[in-house]
Amino acid sequence: MDPWPTTSNIDIVPNLTTCIFDSAVALRSPSLLSVLATELYALKFGISFAIDAFFFPLMIETNSLSATQLILKDEVCYAAKGVFVEDIGCLLALVSSCSVRYVPRTANGVDDGTARFSLSQEDLSF
């Protein structure tokens, strides 16, 4: 069983060789919010931050296949999570160059480690 079942992250780390920023946000999910809703909220938060900070081109990678599929669909999502999907779609419409892709957690150990570390540090929370 995953010890962090209700966490989500996006990482922000400058890559000096390619001049690209990788970004990170780690969030604890309120107990009433689903894991998918937390993932979508974290993506919305991270995308908004990246746009405000002019981190372009925007390359979004997530270990949530469901979130990736919802974001890439051109259909309206009528579930409660649809609000987050719609907000993400509006944010991505502001960006001229962006990509969204699924990366399995096993292939993305650095992001998973960053999220686990940041969630364990109470003094880093804001």
N, C-alpha and C. Protein backbone atom coordinates (compact mmCIF):
# COMPACT_ATOMS: atom_id res chain seq x y z
N MET A 1 0.84 -1.19 0.00
CA MET A 1 0.00 0.00 0.00
C MET A 1 0.87 1.24 0.00
N ASP A 2 0.48 2.22 -0.77
CA ASP A 2 1.21 3.47 -0.87
C ASP A 2 1.08 4.25 0.44
N PRO A 3 2.22 4.64 1.09
CA PRO A 3 2.12 5.37 2.35
C PRO A 3 1.63 6.80 2.18
N TRP A 4 1.57 7.31 0.97
CA TRP A 4 1.11 8.68 0.69
C TRP A 4 -0.06 8.63 -0.28
N PRO A 5 -1.18 8.02 0.08
CA PRO A 5 -2.25 7.82 -0.88
C PRO A 5 -2.96 9.10 -1.30
N THR A 6 -2.85 10.16 -0.53
CA THR A 6 -3.58 11.37 -0.89
C THR A 6 -2.62 12.55 -1.05
N THR A 7 -1.55 12.34 -1.80
CA THR A 7 -0.63 13.43 -2.10
C THR A 7 -0.48 13.57 -3.61
N SER A 8 -0.07 14.72 -4.02
CA SER A 8 0.14 14.97 -5.43
C SER A 8 1.29 15.94 -5.56
N ASN A 9 2.04 15.84 -6.64
CA ASN A 9 3.15 16.76 -6.77
C ASN A 9 3.43 17.15 -8.22
N ILE A 10 4.02 18.32 -8.33
CA ILE A 10 4.58 18.82 -9.58
C ILE A 10 5.90 19.44 -9.12
N ASP A 11 7.00 19.22 -9.80
CA ASP A 11 8.31 19.69 -9.34
C ASP A 11 8.82 20.89 -10.14
N ILE A 12 9.50 21.84 -9.46
CA ILE A 12 10.12 22.98 -10.13
C ILE A 12 11.60 22.98 -9.81
N VAL A 13 12.41 22.60 -10.77
CA VAL A 13 13.85 22.51 -10.59
C VAL A 13 14.50 23.06 -11.87
N PRO A 14 15.40 24.05 -11.76
CA PRO A 14 16.02 24.56 -12.98
C PRO A 14 17.01 23.55 -13.57
N ASN A 15 16.93 23.32 -14.86
CA ASN A 15 17.87 22.46 -15.56
C ASN A 15 18.81 23.40 -16.32
N LEU A 16 20.01 23.59 -15.80
CA LEU A 16 20.92 24.60 -16.34
C LEU A 16 21.48 24.22 -17.70
N THR A 17 21.51 22.95 -18.05
CA THR A 17 22.05 22.57 -19.36
C THR A 17 21.06 22.84 -20.48
N THR A 18 19.76 22.76 -20.19
CA THR A 18 18.77 23.00 -21.24
C THR A 18 18.02 24.30 -21.05
N CYS A 19 18.30 25.02 -19.95
CA CYS A 19 17.60 26.27 -19.62
C CYS A 19 16.09 26.05 -19.52
N ILE A 20 15.69 24.90 -19.03
CA ILE A 20 14.28 24.57 -18.84
C ILE A 20 14.04 24.41 -17.35
N PHE A 21 12.89 24.85 -16.88
CA PHE A 21 12.53 24.68 -15.49
C PHE A 21 11.61 23.48 -15.36
N ASP A 22 11.97 22.57 -14.47
CA ASP A 22 11.07 21.49 -14.07
C ASP A 22 10.42 22.02 -12.80
N SER A 23 9.15 21.78 -12.60
CA SER A 23 8.48 22.39 -11.45
C SER A 23 7.90 21.40 -10.46
N ALA A 24 7.79 21.83 -9.17
CA ALA A 24 7.31 20.92 -8.13
C ALA A 24 6.35 21.58 -7.16
N VAL A 25 5.23 20.96 -6.96
CA VAL A 25 4.26 21.37 -5.95
C VAL A 25 3.83 20.09 -5.26
N ALA A 26 3.90 20.06 -3.95
CA ALA A 26 3.43 18.88 -3.21
C ALA A 26 2.29 19.33 -2.31
N LEU A 27 1.19 18.62 -2.37
CA LEU A 27 0.00 18.99 -1.61
C LEU A 27 -0.54 17.81 -0.84
N ARG A 28 -0.99 18.07 0.38
CA ARG A 28 -1.75 17.06 1.11
C ARG A 28 -3.20 17.25 0.72
N SER A 29 -3.87 16.16 0.53
CA SER A 29 -5.28 16.22 0.16
C SER A 29 -6.15 16.28 1.40
N PRO A 30 -7.13 17.19 1.40
CA PRO A 30 -8.11 17.12 2.49
C PRO A 30 -8.81 15.76 2.43
N SER A 31 -9.21 15.24 3.55
CA SER A 31 -9.74 13.88 3.61
C SER A 31 -10.99 13.68 2.75
N LEU A 32 -11.71 14.73 2.43
CA LEU A 32 -12.93 14.59 1.64
C LEU A 32 -12.68 14.69 0.14
N LEU A 33 -11.45 14.95 -0.26
CA LEU A 33 -11.11 15.12 -1.67
C LEU A 33 -10.47 13.84 -2.19
N SER A 34 -10.87 13.41 -3.38
CA SER A 34 -10.31 12.19 -3.94
C SER A 34 -8.87 12.40 -4.39
N VAL A 35 -8.16 11.31 -4.61
CA VAL A 35 -6.78 11.37 -5.08
C VAL A 35 -6.73 12.04 -6.46
N LEU A 36 -7.66 11.70 -7.34
CA LEU A 36 -7.69 12.30 -8.68
C LEU A 36 -7.97 13.80 -8.60
N ALA A 37 -8.90 14.21 -7.75
CA ALA A 37 -9.18 15.64 -7.59
C ALA A 37 -7.95 16.37 -7.05
N THR A 38 -7.21 15.73 -6.13
CA THR A 38 -5.99 16.33 -5.60
C THR A 38 -4.95 16.49 -6.70
N GLU A 39 -4.80 15.46 -7.53
CA GLU A 39 -3.86 15.53 -8.65
C GLU A 39 -4.23 16.66 -9.60
N LEU A 40 -5.51 16.77 -9.93
CA LEU A 40 -5.96 17.84 -10.84
C LEU A 40 -5.75 19.21 -10.21
N TYR A 41 -6.03 19.33 -8.90
CA TYR A 41 -5.82 20.60 -8.22
C TYR A 41 -4.34 20.98 -8.23
N ALA A 42 -3.46 20.01 -7.96
CA ALA A 42 -2.02 20.28 -7.98
C ALA A 42 -1.57 20.69 -9.38
N LEU A 43 -2.10 20.03 -10.39
CA LEU A 43 -1.75 20.41 -11.77
C LEU A 43 -2.22 21.83 -12.07
N LYS A 44 -3.44 22.15 -11.67
CA LYS A 44 -3.96 23.51 -11.88
C LYS A 44 -3.07 24.54 -11.20
N PHE A 45 -2.70 24.27 -9.95
CA PHE A 45 -1.85 25.17 -9.17
C PHE A 45 -0.48 25.33 -9.84
N GLY A 46 0.13 24.21 -10.23
CA GLY A 46 1.45 24.25 -10.85
C GLY A 46 1.44 24.92 -12.21
N ILE A 47 0.41 24.67 -13.02
CA ILE A 47 0.31 25.30 -14.34
C ILE A 47 0.13 26.81 -14.18
N SER A 48 -0.71 27.20 -13.24
CA SER A 48 -0.92 28.64 -12.98
C SER A 48 0.38 29.31 -12.57
N PHE A 49 1.13 28.65 -11.67
CA PHE A 49 2.43 29.18 -11.24
C PHE A 49 3.39 29.29 -12.43
N ALA A 50 3.45 28.25 -13.25
CA ALA A 50 4.37 28.24 -14.40
C ALA A 50 4.03 29.37 -15.38
N ILE A 51 2.76 29.61 -15.60
CA ILE A 51 2.33 30.68 -16.51
C ILE A 51 2.71 32.03 -15.91
N ASP A 52 2.43 32.23 -14.62
CA ASP A 52 2.78 33.49 -13.96
C ASP A 52 4.28 33.75 -13.97
N ALA A 53 5.09 32.68 -13.90
CA ALA A 53 6.55 32.81 -13.87
C ALA A 53 7.17 32.76 -15.27
N PHE A 54 6.34 32.67 -16.30
CA PHE A 54 6.80 32.62 -17.70
C PHE A 54 7.74 31.44 -17.97
N PHE A 55 7.40 30.27 -17.42
CA PHE A 55 8.17 29.06 -17.69
C PHE A 55 7.63 28.42 -18.98
N PHE A 56 8.20 28.82 -20.10
CA PHE A 56 7.74 28.29 -21.40
C PHE A 56 8.91 27.71 -22.16
N PRO A 57 8.74 26.71 -22.98
CA PRO A 57 7.50 25.99 -23.25
C PRO A 57 7.09 25.17 -22.03
N LEU A 58 5.82 24.93 -21.91
CA LEU A 58 5.27 24.21 -20.77
C LEU A 58 5.15 22.73 -21.10
N MET A 59 5.88 21.90 -20.37
CA MET A 59 5.83 20.44 -20.55
C MET A 59 5.32 19.83 -19.26
N ILE A 60 4.13 19.29 -19.29
CA ILE A 60 3.48 18.76 -18.10
C ILE A 60 3.57 17.25 -18.11
N GLU A 61 4.12 16.70 -17.05
CA GLU A 61 4.21 15.25 -16.88
C GLU A 61 3.55 14.89 -15.56
N THR A 62 2.70 13.90 -15.59
CA THR A 62 2.02 13.45 -14.38
C THR A 62 2.00 11.94 -14.33
N ASN A 63 1.98 11.40 -13.10
CA ASN A 63 1.90 9.95 -12.96
C ASN A 63 0.45 9.48 -12.83
N SER A 64 -0.48 10.37 -13.12
CA SER A 64 -1.90 10.03 -13.08
C SER A 64 -2.42 9.88 -14.50
N LEU A 65 -2.62 8.64 -14.92
CA LEU A 65 -3.15 8.39 -16.26
C LEU A 65 -4.55 8.97 -16.40
N SER A 66 -5.36 8.86 -15.35
CA SER A 66 -6.73 9.40 -15.40
C SER A 66 -6.72 10.91 -15.58
N ALA A 67 -5.85 11.61 -14.86
CA ALA A 67 -5.76 13.07 -15.00
C ALA A 67 -5.31 13.43 -16.41
N THR A 68 -4.33 12.72 -16.93
CA THR A 68 -3.84 12.98 -18.29
C THR A 68 -4.96 12.81 -19.30
N GLN A 69 -5.72 11.72 -19.18
CA GLN A 69 -6.80 11.46 -20.12
C GLN A 69 -7.89 12.52 -20.03
N LEU A 70 -8.24 12.94 -18.81
CA LEU A 70 -9.26 13.97 -18.65
C LEU A 70 -8.82 15.30 -19.26
N ILE A 71 -7.56 15.66 -19.07
CA ILE A 71 -7.05 16.93 -19.59
C ILE A 71 -7.00 16.92 -21.12
N LEU A 72 -6.61 15.79 -21.68
CA LEU A 72 -6.44 15.72 -23.14
C LEU A 72 -7.74 15.51 -23.91
N LYS A 73 -8.81 15.10 -23.23
CA LYS A 73 -10.10 14.92 -23.90
C LYS A 73 -10.68 16.26 -24.29
N ASP A 74 -11.38 16.26 -25.40
CA ASP A 74 -12.07 17.48 -25.83
C ASP A 74 -13.52 17.49 -25.38
N GLU A 75 -13.87 16.59 -24.48
CA GLU A 75 -15.24 16.48 -24.00
C GLU A 75 -15.36 17.16 -22.64
N VAL A 76 -16.58 17.57 -22.32
CA VAL A 76 -16.85 18.16 -21.01
C VAL A 76 -16.91 17.05 -19.98
N CYS A 77 -16.29 17.28 -18.83
CA CYS A 77 -16.33 16.32 -17.72
C CYS A 77 -17.40 16.81 -16.74
N TYR A 78 -18.46 16.02 -16.58
CA TYR A 78 -19.57 16.43 -15.72
C TYR A 78 -19.41 16.00 -14.27
N ALA A 79 -18.37 15.25 -13.97
CA ALA A 79 -18.11 14.86 -12.58
C ALA A 79 -17.65 16.09 -11.79
N ALA A 80 -17.63 15.96 -10.48
CA ALA A 80 -17.20 17.08 -9.63
C ALA A 80 -15.80 17.55 -9.99
N LYS A 81 -14.95 16.62 -10.46
CA LYS A 81 -13.58 16.96 -10.85
C LYS A 81 -13.54 17.81 -12.12
N GLY A 82 -14.66 17.88 -12.82
CA GLY A 82 -14.72 18.61 -14.08
C GLY A 82 -14.37 20.08 -13.94
N VAL A 83 -14.61 20.64 -12.78
CA VAL A 83 -14.26 22.05 -12.54
C VAL A 83 -12.75 22.23 -12.69
N PHE A 84 -11.98 21.31 -12.10
CA PHE A 84 -10.53 21.39 -12.21
C PHE A 84 -10.09 21.17 -13.66
N VAL A 85 -10.71 20.21 -14.34
CA VAL A 85 -10.36 19.93 -15.74
C VAL A 85 -10.64 21.15 -16.60
N GLU A 86 -11.77 21.79 -16.38
CA GLU A 86 -12.13 22.99 -17.15
C GLU A 86 -11.14 24.13 -16.86
N ASP A 87 -10.78 24.32 -15.60
CA ASP A 87 -9.81 25.37 -15.24
C ASP A 87 -8.45 25.10 -15.89
N ILE A 88 -8.02 23.85 -15.88
CA ILE A 88 -6.74 23.49 -16.51
C ILE A 88 -6.81 23.77 -18.01
N GLY A 89 -7.93 23.41 -18.64
CA GLY A 89 -8.10 23.68 -20.06
C GLY A 89 -8.01 25.17 -20.38
N CYS A 90 -8.61 25.99 -19.54
CA CYS A 90 -8.55 27.45 -19.72
C CYS A 90 -7.12 27.97 -19.58
N LEU A 91 -6.40 27.44 -18.59
CA LEU A 91 -5.00 27.84 -18.40
C LEU A 91 -4.14 27.42 -19.60
N LEU A 92 -4.32 26.20 -20.07
CA LEU A 92 -3.52 25.72 -21.20
C LEU A 92 -3.84 26.48 -22.49
N ALA A 93 -5.05 27.01 -22.58
CA ALA A 93 -5.42 27.81 -23.76
C ALA A 93 -4.63 29.12 -23.81
N LEU A 94 -4.11 29.55 -22.66
CA LEU A 94 -3.31 30.78 -22.61
C LEU A 94 -1.88 30.57 -23.09
N VAL A 95 -1.47 29.31 -23.20
CA VAL A 95 -0.09 28.97 -23.53
C VAL A 95 0.00 28.54 -24.99
N SER A 96 0.94 29.13 -25.71
CA SER A 96 1.07 28.79 -27.13
C SER A 96 1.77 27.45 -27.34
N SER A 97 2.65 27.07 -26.43
CA SER A 97 3.39 25.82 -26.59
C SER A 97 3.36 25.03 -25.29
N CYS A 98 2.63 23.91 -25.31
CA CYS A 98 2.60 23.06 -24.12
C CYS A 98 2.33 21.62 -24.53
N SER A 99 2.74 20.70 -23.66
CA SER A 99 2.46 19.28 -23.87
C SER A 99 2.08 18.68 -22.53
N VAL A 100 1.23 17.67 -22.58
CA VAL A 100 0.79 16.95 -21.39
C VAL A 100 1.02 15.48 -21.66
N ARG A 101 1.74 14.80 -20.75
CA ARG A 101 1.96 13.38 -20.96
C ARG A 101 2.01 12.63 -19.65
N TYR A 102 1.68 11.36 -19.74
CA TYR A 102 1.69 10.45 -18.60
C TYR A 102 3.07 9.83 -18.45
N VAL A 103 3.60 9.85 -17.22
CA VAL A 103 4.87 9.20 -16.89
C VAL A 103 4.61 8.33 -15.67
N PRO A 104 4.81 7.02 -15.78
CA PRO A 104 4.56 6.14 -14.63
C PRO A 104 5.42 6.54 -13.42
N ARG A 105 4.88 6.35 -12.24
CA ARG A 105 5.59 6.71 -11.01
C ARG A 105 6.94 6.00 -10.93
N THR A 106 7.01 4.76 -11.38
CA THR A 106 8.26 4.00 -11.32
C THR A 106 9.34 4.63 -12.20
N ALA A 107 8.95 5.38 -13.21
CA ALA A 107 9.92 6.03 -14.09
C ALA A 107 10.23 7.45 -13.65
N ASN A 108 9.62 7.90 -12.57
CA ASN A 108 9.76 9.29 -12.15
C ASN A 108 10.08 9.37 -10.66
N GLY A 109 11.14 8.67 -10.24
CA GLY A 109 11.52 8.59 -8.84
C GLY A 109 11.92 9.92 -8.22
N VAL A 110 12.52 10.82 -9.00
CA VAL A 110 12.96 12.11 -8.45
C VAL A 110 11.75 12.92 -8.00
N ASP A 111 10.71 12.99 -8.83
CA ASP A 111 9.51 13.74 -8.46
C ASP A 111 8.84 13.14 -7.24
N ASP A 112 8.75 11.82 -7.19
CA ASP A 112 8.13 11.15 -6.06
C ASP A 112 8.91 11.41 -4.78
N GLY A 113 10.24 11.36 -4.87
CA GLY A 113 11.08 11.65 -3.71
C GLY A 113 10.95 13.09 -3.24
N THR A 114 10.86 14.02 -4.19
CA THR A 114 10.69 15.44 -3.85
C THR A 114 9.38 15.66 -3.11
N ALA A 115 8.32 15.03 -3.58
CA ALA A 115 7.01 15.18 -2.93
C ALA A 115 7.04 14.61 -1.52
N ARG A 116 7.61 13.43 -1.38
CA ARG A 116 7.67 12.80 -0.06
C ARG A 116 8.47 13.65 0.92
N PHE A 117 9.61 14.20 0.46
CA PHE A 117 10.44 15.03 1.32
C PHE A 117 9.69 16.30 1.73
N SER A 118 9.10 16.98 0.76
CA SER A 118 8.46 18.26 1.07
C SER A 118 7.25 18.08 1.98
N LEU A 119 6.54 16.97 1.84
CA LEU A 119 5.39 16.73 2.70
C LEU A 119 5.81 16.35 4.12
N SER A 120 7.04 15.86 4.28
CA SER A 120 7.51 15.50 5.61
C SER A 120 8.08 16.70 6.37
N GLN A 121 8.27 17.81 5.69
CA GLN A 121 8.86 19.00 6.29
C GLN A 121 7.77 20.02 6.62
N GLU A 122 7.36 20.06 7.87
CA GLU A 122 6.30 21.00 8.28
C GLU A 122 6.77 22.45 8.13
N ASP A 123 8.05 22.73 8.35
CA ASP A 123 8.54 24.10 8.28
C ASP A 123 8.62 24.62 6.86
N LEU A 124 8.52 23.74 5.86
CA LEU A 124 8.54 24.18 4.45
C LEU A 124 7.14 24.48 3.93
N SER A 125 6.12 24.16 4.73
CA SER A 125 4.74 24.36 4.29
C SER A 125 4.37 25.82 4.37
N PHE A 126 3.55 26.25 3.41
CA PHE A 126 3.03 27.63 3.46
C PHE A 126 1.65 27.67 2.89
